[in-house]
PDB file of N, CA and C in Angstrom:
ATOM      1  N   MET A   1      99.352 133.211 100.736  1.00  0.00           N
ATOM      2  CA  MET A   1      98.806 132.337  99.706  1.00  0.00           C
ATOM      3  C   MET A   1      99.882 131.332  99.304  1.00  0.00           C
ATOM      4  N   TYR A   2      99.538 130.055  99.362  1.00  0.00           N
ATOM      5  CA  TYR A   2     100.467 129.005  98.980  1.00  0.00           C
ATOM      6  C   TYR A   2     100.260 128.657  97.514  1.00  0.00           C
ATOM      7  N   THR A   3     101.377 128.450  96.801  1.00  0.00           N
ATOM      8  CA  THR A   3     101.303 128.065  95.392  1.00  0.00           C
ATOM      9  C   THR A   3     102.332 126.972  95.121  1.00  0.00           C
ATOM     10  N   TRP A   4     102.127 126.256  94.036  1.00  0.00           N
ATOM     11  CA  TRP A   4     103.098 125.259  93.603  1.00  0.00           C
ATOM     12  C   TRP A   4     104.317 125.997  93.054  1.00  0.00           C
ATOM     13  N   THR A   5     105.491 125.455  93.284  1.00  0.00           N
ATOM     14  CA  THR A   5     106.728 126.103  92.831  1.00  0.00           C
ATOM     15  C   THR A   5     107.203 125.483  91.521  1.00  0.00           C
ATOM     16  N   GLU A   6     108.306 126.011  91.011  1.00  0.00           N
ATOM     17  CA  GLU A   6     108.832 125.552  89.728  1.00  0.00           C
ATOM     18  C   GLU A   6     109.288 124.091  89.748  1.00  0.00           C
ATOM     19  N   ILE A   7     109.509 123.514  90.918  1.00  0.00           N
ATOM     20  CA  ILE A   7     109.919 122.103  90.981  1.00  0.00           C
ATOM     21  C   ILE A   7     108.799 121.177  90.515  1.00  0.00           C
ATOM     22  N   GLN A   8     107.577 121.670  90.482  1.00  0.00           N
ATOM     23  CA  GLN A   8     106.456 120.840  90.036  1.00  0.00           C
ATOM     24  C   GLN A   8     106.697 120.277  88.636  1.00  0.00           C
ATOM     25  N   ASP A   9     107.385 121.018  87.792  1.00  0.00           N
ATOM     26  CA  ASP A   9     107.651 120.567  86.428  1.00  0.00           C
ATOM     27  C   ASP A   9     108.612 119.376  86.391  1.00  0.00           C
ATOM     28  N   GLN A  10     109.389 119.203  87.450  1.00  0.00           N
ATOM     29  CA  GLN A  10     110.346 118.097  87.529  1.00  0.00           C
ATOM     30  C   GLN A  10     109.744 116.860  88.190  1.00  0.00           C
ATOM     31  N   CYS A  11     108.512 116.971  88.689  1.00  0.00           N
ATOM     32  CA  CYS A  11     107.881 115.880  89.455  1.00  0.00           C
ATOM     33  C   CYS A  11     106.440 115.659  88.999  1.00  0.00           C
ATOM     34  N   PRO A  12     106.202 115.337  87.729  1.00  0.00           N
ATOM     35  CA  PRO A  12     104.817 115.253  87.266  1.00  0.00           C
ATOM     36  C   PRO A  12     103.991 114.168  87.956  1.00  0.00           C
ATOM     37  N   VAL A  13     104.580 113.028  88.272  1.00  0.00           N
ATOM     38  CA  VAL A  13     103.830 111.949  88.924  1.00  0.00           C
ATOM     39  C   VAL A  13     103.484 112.349  90.356  1.00  0.00           C
ATOM     40  N   THR A  14     104.441 112.930  91.057  1.00  0.00           N
ATOM     41  CA  THR A  14     104.216 113.395  92.428  1.00  0.00           C
ATOM     42  C   THR A  14     103.160 114.494  92.442  1.00  0.00           C
ATOM     43  N   LEU A  15     103.261 115.429  91.516  1.00  0.00           N
ATOM     44  CA  LEU A  15     102.290 116.522  91.420  1.00  0.00           C
ATOM     45  C   LEU A  15     100.882 115.966  91.197  1.00  0.00           C
ATOM     46  N   ASP A  16     100.739 115.027  90.272  1.00  0.00           N
ATOM     47  CA  ASP A  16      99.432 114.431  90.010  1.00  0.00           C
ATOM     48  C   ASP A  16      98.888 113.744  91.258  1.00  0.00           C
ATOM     49  N   PHE A  17      99.758 112.993  91.973  1.00  0.00           N
ATOM     50  CA  PHE A  17      99.326 112.297  93.175  1.00  0.00           C
ATOM     51  C   PHE A  17      98.770 113.269  94.209  1.00  0.00           C
ATOM     52  N   PHE A  18      99.502 114.341  94.487  1.00  0.00           N
ATOM     53  CA  PHE A  18      99.064 115.264  95.528  1.00  0.00           C
ATOM     54  C   PHE A  18      97.917 116.167  95.081  1.00  0.00           C
ATOM     55  N   LYS A  19      97.815 116.461  93.810  1.00  0.00           N
ATOM     56  CA  LYS A  19      96.696 117.283  93.345  1.00  0.00           C
ATOM     57  C   LYS A  19      95.408 116.480  93.185  1.00  0.00           C
ATOM     58  N   ASN A  20      95.527 115.208  92.819  1.00  0.00           N
ATOM     59  CA  ASN A  20      94.333 114.460  92.417  1.00  0.00           C
ATOM     60  C   ASN A  20      93.991 113.237  93.260  1.00  0.00           C
ATOM     61  N   LYS A  21      94.919 112.754  94.098  1.00  0.00           N
ATOM     62  CA  LYS A  21      94.650 111.521  94.836  1.00  0.00           C
ATOM     63  C   LYS A  21      94.804 111.660  96.344  1.00  0.00           C
ATOM     64  N   PHE A  22      95.736 112.445  96.807  1.00  0.00           N
ATOM     65  CA  PHE A  22      95.981 112.580  98.240  1.00  0.00           C
ATOM     66  C   PHE A  22      94.800 113.298  98.885  1.00  0.00           C
ATOM     67  N   PRO A  23      94.323 112.829 100.054  1.00  0.00           N
ATOM     68  CA  PRO A  23      93.071 113.356 100.622  1.00  0.00           C
ATOM     69  C   PRO A  23      93.186 114.683 101.387  1.00  0.00           C
ATOM     70  N   TYR A  24      93.905 115.630 100.832  1.00  0.00           N
ATOM     71  CA  TYR A  24      93.921 116.992 101.370  1.00  0.00           C
ATOM     72  C   TYR A  24      93.162 117.889 100.405  1.00  0.00           C
ATOM     73  N   LYS A  25      92.461 118.864 100.957  1.00  0.00           N
ATOM     74  CA  LYS A  25      91.761 119.796 100.071  1.00  0.00           C
ATOM     75  C   LYS A  25      92.575 121.053  99.823  1.00  0.00           C
ATOM     76  N   LYS A  26      93.564 121.304 100.699  1.00  0.00           N
ATOM     77  CA  LYS A  26      94.402 122.494 100.558  1.00  0.00           C
ATOM     78  C   LYS A  26      95.779 122.181 101.157  1.00  0.00           C
ATOM     79  N   TYR A  27      96.822 122.680 100.531  1.00  0.00           N
ATOM     80  CA  TYR A  27      98.182 122.446 101.026  1.00  0.00           C
ATOM     81  C   TYR A  27      98.779 123.724 101.601  1.00  0.00           C
ATOM     82  N   GLN A  28      99.616 123.539 102.630  1.00  0.00           N
ATOM     83  CA  GLN A  28     100.396 124.640 103.178  1.00  0.00           C
ATOM     84  C   GLN A  28     101.865 124.480 102.791  1.00  0.00           C
ATOM     85  N   ARG A  29     102.378 123.269 102.994  1.00  0.00           N
ATOM     86  CA  ARG A  29     103.755 122.967 102.577  1.00  0.00           C
ATOM     87  C   ARG A  29     103.821 121.516 102.159  1.00  0.00           C
ATOM     88  N   LEU A  30     104.631 121.266 101.148  1.00  0.00           N
ATOM     89  CA  LEU A  30     104.916 119.917 100.703  1.00  0.00           C
ATOM     90  C   LEU A  30     106.386 119.930 100.323  1.00  0.00           C
ATOM     91  N   ARG A  31     107.199 119.138 101.054  1.00  0.00           N
ATOM     92  CA  ARG A  31     108.647 119.246 100.869  1.00  0.00           C
ATOM     93  C   ARG A  31     109.290 117.879 100.708  1.00  0.00           C
ATOM     94  N   PHE A  32     110.301 117.828  99.853  1.00  0.00           N
ATOM     95  CA  PHE A  32     111.218 116.700  99.827  1.00  0.00           C
ATOM     96  C   PHE A  32     112.286 117.012 100.865  1.00  0.00           C
ATOM     97  N   MET A  33     112.595 116.039 101.723  1.00  0.00           N
ATOM     98  CA  MET A  33     113.573 116.254 102.784  1.00  0.00           C
ATOM     99  C   MET A  33     114.704 115.238 102.668  1.00  0.00           C
ATOM    100  N   LEU A  34     115.919 115.743 102.606  1.00  0.00           N
ATOM    101  CA  LEU A  34     117.115 114.907 102.547  1.00  0.00           C
ATOM    102  C   LEU A  34     117.833 114.962 103.888  1.00  0.00           C
ATOM    103  N   LEU A  35     118.178 113.797 104.423  1.00  0.00           N
ATOM    104  CA  LEU A  35     119.090 113.720 105.562  1.00  0.00           C
ATOM    105  C   LEU A  35     120.248 112.854 105.096  1.00  0.00           C
ATOM    106  N   GLU A  36     121.377 113.498 104.914  1.00  0.00           N
ATOM    107  CA  GLU A  36     122.529 112.797 104.359  1.00  0.00           C
ATOM    108  C   GLU A  36     123.027 111.699 105.288  1.00  0.00           C
ATOM    109  N   ALA A  37     123.686 110.707 104.692  1.00  0.00           N
ATOM    110  CA  ALA A  37     124.308 109.631 105.460  1.00  0.00           C
ATOM    111  C   ALA A  37     125.215 110.250 106.511  1.00  0.00           C
ATOM    112  N   GLY A  38     125.100 109.769 107.758  1.00  0.00           N
ATOM    113  CA  GLY A  38     125.903 110.305 108.851  1.00  0.00           C
ATOM    114  C   GLY A  38     125.382 111.611 109.419  1.00  0.00           C
ATOM    115  N   GLY A  39     124.302 112.146 108.866  1.00  0.00           N
ATOM    116  CA  GLY A  39     123.773 113.440 109.297  1.00  0.00           C
ATOM    117  C   GLY A  39     122.768 113.312 110.434  1.00  0.00           C
ATOM    118  N   TYR A  40     122.376 114.458 110.953  1.00  0.00           N
ATOM    119  CA  TYR A  40     121.389 114.476 112.035  1.00  0.00           C
ATOM    120  C   TYR A  40     120.613 115.777 112.001  1.00  0.00           C
ATOM    121  N   ILE A  41     119.466 115.763 112.643  1.00  0.00           N
ATOM    122  CA  ILE A  41     118.664 116.954 112.892  1.00  0.00           C
ATOM    123  C   ILE A  41     118.564 117.057 114.405  1.00  0.00           C
ATOM    124  N   ALA A  42     119.068 118.132 114.966  1.00  0.00           N
ATOM    125  CA  ALA A  42     119.125 118.298 116.418  1.00  0.00           C
ATOM    126  C   ALA A  42     117.720 118.311 117.022  1.00  0.00           C
ATOM    127  N   PRO A  43     117.604 117.953 118.310  1.00  0.00           N
ATOM    128  CA  PRO A  43     116.300 117.959 118.970  1.00  0.00           C
ATOM    129  C   PRO A  43     115.604 119.315 118.812  1.00  0.00           C
ATOM    130  N   HIS A  44     114.317 119.261 118.465  1.00  0.00           N
ATOM    131  CA  HIS A  44     113.547 120.483 118.241  1.00  0.00           C
ATOM    132  C   HIS A  44     112.058 120.162 118.292  1.00  0.00           C
ATOM    133  N   SER A  45     111.258 121.196 118.310  1.00  0.00           N
ATOM    134  CA  SER A  45     109.814 121.107 118.218  1.00  0.00           C
ATOM    135  C   SER A  45     109.370 122.059 117.121  1.00  0.00           C
ATOM    136  N   ASP A  46     108.462 121.610 116.250  1.00  0.00           N
ATOM    137  CA  ASP A  46     108.027 122.448 115.128  1.00  0.00           C
ATOM    138  C   ASP A  46     106.852 123.348 115.449  1.00  0.00           C
ATOM    139  N   ASN A  47     106.101 123.021 116.504  1.00  0.00           N
ATOM    140  CA  ASN A  47     104.915 123.792 116.870  1.00  0.00           C
ATOM    141  C   ASN A  47     104.841 123.948 118.376  1.00  0.00           C
ATOM    142  N   VAL A  48     104.186 125.004 118.820  1.00  0.00           N
ATOM    143  CA  VAL A  48     104.021 125.242 120.249  1.00  0.00           C
ATOM    144  C   VAL A  48     102.914 124.361 120.823  1.00  0.00           C
ATOM    145  N   ASN A  49     101.845 124.161 120.072  1.00  0.00           N
ATOM    146  CA  ASN A  49     100.679 123.419 120.571  1.00  0.00           C
ATOM    147  C   ASN A  49     100.531 122.073 119.876  1.00  0.00           C
ATOM    148  N   PRO A  50      99.972 121.086 120.591  1.00  0.00           N
ATOM    149  CA  PRO A  50      99.671 119.804 119.945  1.00  0.00           C
ATOM    150  C   PRO A  50      98.696 120.012 118.792  1.00  0.00           C
ATOM    151  N   SER A  51      98.777 119.148 117.799  1.00  0.00           N
ATOM    152  CA  SER A  51      97.896 119.288 116.651  1.00  0.00           C
ATOM    153  C   SER A  51      97.547 117.919 116.096  1.00  0.00           C
ATOM    154  N   LEU A  52      96.263 117.630 116.004  1.00  0.00           N
ATOM    155  CA  LEU A  52      95.840 116.377 115.392  1.00  0.00           C
ATOM    156  C   LEU A  52      96.117 116.367 113.898  1.00  0.00           C
ATOM    157  N   SER A  53      96.249 117.530 113.301  1.00  0.00           N
ATOM    158  CA  SER A  53      96.549 117.541 111.869  1.00  0.00           C
ATOM    159  C   SER A  53      98.026 117.290 111.628  1.00  0.00           C
ATOM    160  N   GLY A  54      98.892 117.692 112.553  1.00  0.00           N
ATOM    161  CA  GLY A  54     100.316 117.385 112.491  1.00  0.00           C
ATOM    162  C   GLY A  54     100.912 117.520 111.110  1.00  0.00           C
ATOM    163  N   ALA A  55     101.855 116.661 110.825  1.00  0.00           N
ATOM    164  CA  ALA A  55     102.499 116.608 109.526  1.00  0.00           C
ATOM    165  C   ALA A  55     102.426 115.168 109.043  1.00  0.00           C
ATOM    166  N   ILE A  56     102.179 114.995 107.767  1.00  0.00           N
ATOM    167  CA  ILE A  56     102.240 113.674 107.172  1.00  0.00           C
ATOM    168  C   ILE A  56     103.684 113.473 106.736  1.00  0.00           C
ATOM    169  N   ASN A  57     104.290 112.401 107.221  1.00  0.00           N
ATOM    170  CA  ASN A  57     105.676 112.101 106.912  1.00  0.00           C
ATOM    171  C   ASN A  57     105.690 110.806 106.103  1.00  0.00           C
ATOM    172  N   ILE A  58     106.197 110.889 104.872  1.00  0.00           N
ATOM    173  CA  ILE A  58     106.217 109.748 103.958  1.00  0.00           C
ATOM    174  C   ILE A  58     107.663 109.361 103.696  1.00  0.00           C
ATOM    175  N   SER A  59     108.026 108.116 104.020  1.00  0.00           N
ATOM    176  CA  SER A  59     109.395 107.675 103.759  1.00  0.00           C
ATOM    177  C   SER A  59     109.522 107.234 102.301  1.00  0.00           C
ATOM    178  N   LEU A  60     110.414 107.895 101.575  1.00  0.00           N
ATOM    179  CA  LEU A  60     110.737 107.447 100.224  1.00  0.00           C
ATOM    180  C   LEU A  60     111.803 106.355 100.322  1.00  0.00           C
ATOM    181  N   ASN A  61     112.670 106.521 101.289  1.00  0.00           N
ATOM    182  CA  ASN A  61     113.560 105.454 101.750  1.00  0.00           C
ATOM    183  C   ASN A  61     113.895 105.781 103.198  1.00  0.00           C
ATOM    184  N   HIS A  62     114.174 104.762 103.977  1.00  0.00           N
ATOM    185  CA  HIS A  62     114.484 104.981 105.389  1.00  0.00           C
ATOM    186  C   HIS A  62     115.438 103.880 105.841  1.00  0.00           C
ATOM    187  N   PRO A  63     116.748 104.159 105.810  1.00  0.00           N
ATOM    188  CA  PRO A  63     117.727 103.142 106.202  1.00  0.00           C
ATOM    189  C   PRO A  63     117.469 102.638 107.622  1.00  0.00           C
ATOM    190  N   ALA A  64     117.778 101.364 107.859  1.00  0.00           N
ATOM    191  CA  ALA A  64     117.550 100.748 109.174  1.00  0.00           C
ATOM    192  C   ALA A  64     118.293 101.488 110.282  1.00  0.00           C
ATOM    193  N   GLU A  65     119.439 102.079 109.973  1.00  0.00           N
ATOM    194  CA  GLU A  65     120.242 102.768 110.993  1.00  0.00           C
ATOM    195  C   GLU A  65     119.851 104.238 111.150  1.00  0.00           C
ATOM    196  N   CYS A  66     118.705 104.611 110.614  1.00  0.00           N
ATOM    197  CA  CYS A  66     118.216 105.990 110.718  1.00  0.00           C
ATOM    198  C   CYS A  66     117.018 105.989 111.662  1.00  0.00           C
ATOM    199  N   ASN A  67     116.982 106.950 112.581  1.00  0.00           N
ATOM    200  CA  ASN A  67     115.901 106.987 113.574  1.00  0.00           C
ATOM    201  C   ASN A  67     115.375 108.395 113.785  1.00  0.00           C
ATOM    202  N   LEU A  68     114.043 108.504 113.819  1.00  0.00           N
ATOM    203  CA  LEU A  68     113.375 109.710 114.287  1.00  0.00           C
ATOM    204  C   LEU A  68     112.959 109.366 115.707  1.00  0.00           C
ATOM    205  N   VAL A  69     113.492 110.112 116.680  1.00  0.00           N
ATOM    206  CA  VAL A  69     113.327 109.756 118.083  1.00  0.00           C
ATOM    207  C   VAL A  69     112.576 110.847 118.839  1.00  0.00           C
ATOM    208  N   THR A  70     111.614 110.420 119.676  1.00  0.00           N
ATOM    209  CA  THR A  70     110.914 111.311 120.595  1.00  0.00           C
ATOM    210  C   THR A  70     111.210 110.811 122.011  1.00  0.00           C
ATOM    211  N   ILE A  71     110.692 111.497 123.021  1.00  0.00           N
ATOM    212  CA  ILE A  71     110.908 111.021 124.390  1.00  0.00           C
ATOM    213  C   ILE A  71     110.230 109.675 124.623  1.00  0.00           C
ATOM    214  N   ASN A  72     109.301 109.295 123.741  1.00  0.00           N
ATOM    215  CA  ASN A  72     108.610 108.014 123.861  1.00  0.00           C
ATOM    216  C   ASN A  72     109.243 106.904 123.035  1.00  0.00           C
ATOM    217  N   GLY A  73     110.346 107.179 122.363  1.00  0.00           N
ATOM    218  CA  GLY A  73     111.023 106.152 121.571  1.00  0.00           C
ATOM    219  C   GLY A  73     111.103 106.520 120.107  1.00  0.00           C
ATOM    220  N   SER A  74     111.535 105.541 119.295  1.00  0.00           N
ATOM    221  CA  SER A  74     111.703 105.754 117.860  1.00  0.00           C
ATOM    222  C   SER A  74     110.376 105.606 117.125  1.00  0.00           C
ATOM    223  N   VAL A  75     110.196 106.409 116.092  1.00  0.00           N
ATOM    224  CA  VAL A  75     109.017 106.310 115.232  1.00  0.00           C
ATOM    225  C   VAL A  75     109.274 105.158 114.259  1.00  0.00           C
ATOM    226  N   PRO A  76     108.328 104.221 114.118  1.00  0.00           N
ATOM    227  CA  PRO A  76     108.565 102.975 113.380  1.00  0.00           C
ATOM    228  C   PRO A  76     108.412 103.080 111.862  1.00  0.00           C
ATOM    229  N   PHE A  77     109.346 103.752 111.210  1.00  0.00           N
ATOM    230  CA  PHE A  77     109.301 103.836 109.746  1.00  0.00           C
ATOM    231  C   PHE A  77     109.765 102.525 109.125  1.00  0.00           C
ATOM    232  N   GLU A  78     109.145 102.171 108.022  1.00  0.00           N
ATOM    233  CA  GLU A  78     109.651 101.093 107.192  1.00  0.00           C
ATOM    234  C   GLU A  78     110.543 101.730 106.139  1.00  0.00           C
ATOM    235  N   ASP A  79     111.286 100.901 105.405  1.00  0.00           N
ATOM    236  CA  ASP A  79     112.244 101.453 104.459  1.00  0.00           C
ATOM    237  C   ASP A  79     111.590 102.326 103.404  1.00  0.00           C
ATOM    238  N   GLN A  80     110.513 101.870 102.792  1.00  0.00           N
ATOM    239  CA  GLN A  80     109.874 102.662 101.743  1.00  0.00           C
ATOM    240  C   GLN A  80     108.366 102.669 101.925  1.00  0.00           C
ATOM    241  N   GLY A  81     107.782 103.839 101.796  1.00  0.00           N
ATOM    242  CA  GLY A  81     106.340 103.940 101.761  1.00  0.00           C
ATOM    243  C   GLY A  81     105.623 104.091 103.082  1.00  0.00           C
ATOM    244  N   SER A  82     106.341 104.090 104.200  1.00  0.00           N
ATOM    245  CA  SER A  82     105.654 104.363 105.463  1.00  0.00           C
ATOM    246  C   SER A  82     105.055 105.756 105.384  1.00  0.00           C
ATOM    247  N   THR A  83     103.817 105.875 105.794  1.00  0.00           N
ATOM    248  CA  THR A  83     103.144 107.162 105.807  1.00  0.00           C
ATOM    249  C   THR A  83     102.555 107.335 107.191  1.00  0.00           C
ATOM    250  N   LEU A  84     103.089 108.315 107.920  1.00  0.00           N
ATOM    251  CA  LEU A  84     102.684 108.498 109.304  1.00  0.00           C
ATOM    252  C   LEU A  84     102.199 109.912 109.559  1.00  0.00           C
ATOM    253  N   LEU A  85     101.147 110.024 110.350  1.00  0.00           N
ATOM    254  CA  LEU A  85     100.675 111.308 110.845  1.00  0.00           C
ATOM    255  C   LEU A  85     101.477 111.580 112.110  1.00  0.00           C
ATOM    256  N   PHE A  86     102.289 112.612 112.098  1.00  0.00           N
ATOM    257  CA  PHE A  86     103.215 112.872 113.196  1.00  0.00           C
ATOM    258  C   PHE A  86     102.932 114.249 113.795  1.00  0.00           C
ATOM    259  N   ASP A  87     102.601 114.273 115.070  1.00  0.00           N
ATOM    260  CA  ASP A  87     102.378 115.538 115.778  1.00  0.00           C
ATOM    261  C   ASP A  87     103.752 116.104 116.131  1.00  0.00           C
ATOM    262  N   ASN A  88     104.246 116.980 115.271  1.00  0.00           N
ATOM    263  CA  ASN A  88     105.620 117.464 115.415  1.00  0.00           C
ATOM    264  C   ASN A  88     105.780 118.588 116.443  1.00  0.00           C
ATOM    265  N   HIS A  89     104.786 118.767 117.310  1.00  0.00           N
ATOM    266  CA  HIS A  89     104.987 119.702 118.426  1.00  0.00           C
ATOM    267  C   HIS A  89     105.813 119.016 119.513  1.00  0.00           C
ATOM    268  N   TYR A  90     105.801 117.666 119.514  1.00  0.00           N
ATOM    269  CA  TYR A  90     106.622 116.935 120.472  1.00  0.00           C
ATOM    270  C   TYR A  90     108.091 117.073 120.073  1.00  0.00           C
ATOM    271  N   ARG A  91     108.923 117.258 121.063  1.00  0.00           N
ATOM    272  CA  ARG A  91     110.357 117.388 120.819  1.00  0.00           C
ATOM    273  C   ARG A  91     110.864 116.096 120.167  1.00  0.00           C
ATOM    274  N   HIS A  92     111.611 116.245 119.080  1.00  0.00           N
ATOM    275  CA  HIS A  92     112.110 115.088 118.356  1.00  0.00           C
ATOM    276  C   HIS A  92     113.445 115.418 117.693  1.00  0.00           C
ATOM    277  N   ALA A  93     114.159 114.376 117.341  1.00  0.00           N
ATOM    278  CA  ALA A  93     115.445 114.501 116.650  1.00  0.00           C
ATOM    279  C   ALA A  93     115.539 113.352 115.647  1.00  0.00           C
ATOM    280  N   VAL A  94     116.413 113.519 114.671  1.00  0.00           N
ATOM    281  CA  VAL A  94     116.629 112.471 113.680  1.00  0.00           C
ATOM    282  C   VAL A  94     118.124 112.286 113.519  1.00  0.00           C
ATOM    283  N   TYR A  95     118.562 111.038 113.462  1.00  0.00           N
ATOM    284  CA  TYR A  95     119.966 110.789 113.149  1.00  0.00           C
ATOM    285  C   TYR A  95     120.050 109.652 112.150  1.00  0.00           C
ATOM    286  N   ASN A  96     120.948 109.803 111.200  1.00  0.00           N
ATOM    287  CA  ASN A  96     121.127 108.826 110.133  1.00  0.00           C
ATOM    288  C   ASN A  96     122.511 108.207 110.278  1.00  0.00           C
ATOM    289  N   ASN A  97     122.581 107.111 111.004  1.00  0.00           N
ATOM    290  CA  ASN A  97     123.857 106.437 111.238  1.00  0.00           C
ATOM    291  C   ASN A  97     124.198 105.454 110.128  1.00  0.00           C
ATOM    292  N   SER A  98     123.561 105.577 108.975  1.00  0.00           N
ATOM    293  CA  SER A  98     123.834 104.674 107.862  1.00  0.00           C
ATOM    294  C   SER A  98     124.783 105.347 106.868  1.00  0.00           C
ATOM    295  N   ASN A  99     125.114 104.622 105.815  1.00  0.00           N
ATOM    296  CA  ASN A  99     125.921 105.201 104.734  1.00  0.00           C
ATOM    297  C   ASN A  99     125.047 105.500 103.512  1.00  0.00           C
ATOM    298  N   VAL A 100     123.728 105.623 103.747  1.00  0.00           N
ATOM    299  CA  VAL A 100     122.756 105.890 102.689  1.00  0.00           C
ATOM    300  C   VAL A 100     121.988 107.167 103.022  1.00  0.00           C
ATOM    301  N   ASP A 101     121.849 108.064 102.047  1.00  0.00           N
ATOM    302  CA  ASP A 101     121.034 109.260 102.248  1.00  0.00           C
ATOM    303  C   ASP A 101     119.575 108.850 102.459  1.00  0.00           C
ATOM    304  N   ARG A 102     118.894 109.551 103.351  1.00  0.00           N
ATOM    305  CA  ARG A 102     117.486 109.280 103.664  1.00  0.00           C
ATOM    306  C   ARG A 102     116.637 110.370 103.022  1.00  0.00           C
ATOM    307  N   TYR A 103     115.571 109.959 102.320  1.00  0.00           N
ATOM    308  CA  TYR A 103     114.645 110.901 101.698  1.00  0.00           C
ATOM    309  C   TYR A 103     113.240 110.652 102.224  1.00  0.00           C
ATOM    310  N   HIS A 104     112.605 111.729 102.659  1.00  0.00           N
ATOM    311  CA  HIS A 104     111.200 111.688 103.087  1.00  0.00           C
ATOM    312  C   HIS A 104     110.480 112.850 102.418  1.00  0.00           C
ATOM    313  N   MET A 105     109.163 112.779 102.413  1.00  0.00           N
ATOM    314  CA  MET A 105     108.335 113.923 102.042  1.00  0.00           C
ATOM    315  C   MET A 105     107.556 114.303 103.290  1.00  0.00           C
ATOM    316  N   ILE A 106     107.456 115.600 103.537  1.00  0.00           N
ATOM    317  CA  ILE A 106     106.675 116.114 104.657  1.00  0.00           C
ATOM    318  C   ILE A 106     105.539 116.949 104.048  1.00  0.00           C
ATOM    319  N   VAL A 107     104.314 116.651 104.476  1.00  0.00           N
ATOM    320  CA  VAL A 107     103.136 117.292 103.892  1.00  0.00           C
ATOM    321  C   VAL A 107     102.338 117.976 104.998  1.00  0.00           C
ATOM    322  N   HIS A 108     102.066 119.255 104.814  1.00  0.00           N
ATOM    323  CA  HIS A 108     101.206 120.027 105.718  1.00  0.00           C
ATOM    324  C   HIS A 108     100.040 120.545 104.898  1.00  0.00           C
ATOM    325  N   GLY A 109      98.856 120.483 105.470  1.00  0.00           N
ATOM    326  CA  GLY A 109      97.716 121.007 104.739  1.00  0.00           C
ATOM    327  C   GLY A 109      96.422 120.834 105.502  1.00  0.00           C
ATOM    328  N   GLU A 110      95.356 120.982 104.764  1.00  0.00           N
ATOM    329  CA  GLU A 110      94.019 120.898 105.348  1.00  0.00           C
ATOM    330  C   GLU A 110      93.342 119.627 104.842  1.00  0.00           C
ATOM    331  N   TRP A 111      92.881 118.825 105.778  1.00  0.00           N
ATOM    332  CA  TRP A 111      92.255 117.552 105.443  1.00  0.00           C
ATOM    333  C   TRP A 111      91.037 117.729 104.563  1.00  0.00           C
ATOM    334  N   GLY A 112      90.860 116.761 103.680  1.00  0.00           N
ATOM    335  CA  GLY A 112      89.610 116.672 102.948  1.00  0.00           C
ATOM    336  C   GLY A 112      88.580 115.969 103.812  1.00  0.00           C
ATOM    337  N   GLN A 113      87.389 115.894 103.353  1.00  0.00           N
ATOM    338  CA  GLN A 113      86.277 115.326 104.116  1.00  0.00           C
ATOM    339  C   GLN A 113      86.512 113.873 104.506  1.00  0.00           C
ATOM    340  N   GLU A 114      87.195 113.106 103.657  1.00  0.00           N
ATOM    341  CA  GLU A 114      87.388 111.682 103.925  1.00  0.00           C
ATOM    342  C   GLU A 114      88.571 111.379 104.844  1.00  0.00           C
ATOM    343  N   TRP A 115      89.387 112.376 105.159  1.00  0.00           N
ATOM    344  CA  TRP A 115      90.608 112.142 105.941  1.00  0.00           C
ATOM    345  C   TRP A 115      90.365 111.537 107.324  1.00  0.00           C
ATOM    346  N   PRO A 116      89.451 112.036 108.151  1.00  0.00           N
ATOM    347  CA  PRO A 116      89.243 111.420 109.469  1.00  0.00           C
ATOM    348  C   PRO A 116      88.892 109.928 109.374  1.00  0.00           C
ATOM    349  N   LYS A 117      88.111 109.536 108.393  1.00  0.00           N
ATOM    350  CA  LYS A 117      87.758 108.118 108.213  1.00  0.00           C
ATOM    351  C   LYS A 117      89.008 107.302 107.884  1.00  0.00           C
ATOM    352  N   ILE A 118      89.880 107.823 107.056  1.00  0.00           N
ATOM    353  CA  ILE A 118      91.126 107.131 106.708  1.00  0.00           C
ATOM    354  C   ILE A 118      91.984 106.931 107.955  1.00  0.00           C
ATOM    355  N   VAL A 119      92.090 107.963 108.784  1.00  0.00           N
ATOM    356  CA  VAL A 119      92.891 107.869 110.012  1.00  0.00           C
ATOM    357  C   VAL A 119      92.312 106.821 110.952  1.00  0.00           C
ATOM    358  N   VAL A 120      91.013 106.830 111.168  1.00  0.00           N
ATOM    359  CA  VAL A 120      90.375 105.871 112.068  1.00  0.00           C
ATOM    360  C   VAL A 120      90.565 104.444 111.542  1.00  0.00           C
ATOM    361  N   GLU A 121      90.387 104.225 110.254  1.00  0.00           N
ATOM    362  CA  GLU A 121      90.552 102.884 109.679  1.00  0.00           C
ATOM    363  C   GLU A 121      91.980 102.381 109.866  1.00  0.00           C
ATOM    364  N   ASN A 122      92.949 103.257 109.751  1.00  0.00           N
ATOM    365  CA  ASN A 122      94.337 102.842 109.937  1.00  0.00           C
ATOM    366  C   ASN A 122      94.666 102.569 111.398  1.00  0.00           C
ATOM    367  N   TYR A 123      94.054 103.304 112.329  1.00  0.00           N
ATOM    368  CA  TYR A 123      94.210 102.982 113.751  1.00  0.00           C
ATOM    369  C   TYR A 123      93.641 101.586 114.027  1.00  0.00           C
ATOM    370  N   LYS A 124      92.499 101.258 113.440  1.00  0.00           N
ATOM    371  CA  LYS A 124      91.900  99.938 113.630  1.00  0.00           C
ATOM    372  C   LYS A 124      92.848  98.846 113.115  1.00  0.00           C
ATOM    373  N   LYS A 125      93.414  99.047 111.948  1.00  0.00           N
ATOM    374  CA  LYS A 125      94.351  98.067 111.382  1.00  0.00           C
ATOM    375  C   LYS A 125      95.558  97.891 112.292  1.00  0.00           C
ATOM    376  N   ALA A 126      96.100  98.992 112.795  1.00  0.00           N
ATOM    377  CA  ALA A 126      97.274  98.923 113.682  1.00  0.00           C
ATOM    378  C   ALA A 126      96.943  98.185 114.979  1.00  0.00           C
ATOM    379  N   GLN A 127      95.754  98.410 115.505  1.00  0.00           N
ATOM    380  CA  GLN A 127      95.343  97.774 116.750  1.00  0.00           C
ATOM    381  C   GLN A 127      95.169  96.267 116.584  1.00  0.00           C
ATOM    382  N   ASN A 128      94.697  95.878 115.416  1.00  0.00           N
ATOM    383  CA  ASN A 128      94.441  94.457 115.163  1.00  0.00           C
ATOM    384  C   ASN A 128      95.660  93.710 114.647  1.00  0.00           C
ATOM    385  N   GLY A 129      96.782  94.414 114.569  1.00  0.00           N
ATOM    386  CA  GLY A 129      98.036  93.767 114.195  1.00  0.00           C
ATOM    387  C   GLY A 129      98.132  93.534 112.756  1.00  0.00           C
TER     388      GLY A 129
END
């Protein structure tokens, strides 16, 4: 059984967003992730099987010299607010070659009814430039 932890009291705006606005009906994990300046995350895979639900990765900040890399290249994060559905079963690594700490949020959970429509609409936007 997943529950909100004591950090919820320190993040009232974030808590409200994920409880009342984000299109998931159930959460498994929701984490703030720090990658310190000059730090790295060694190549790894988070899951054995591919997953369309993957992980939602939200950049709170993403220095230009920081890269999440797969065998297909770098994932195109913008500095703030990029929100990407990432199938983390693919082997990937992260390195932060900047002098700025990188903060992201990683969200795992169960989609709400409107989630597939949101994903399709964003694919259309990406395709049309």
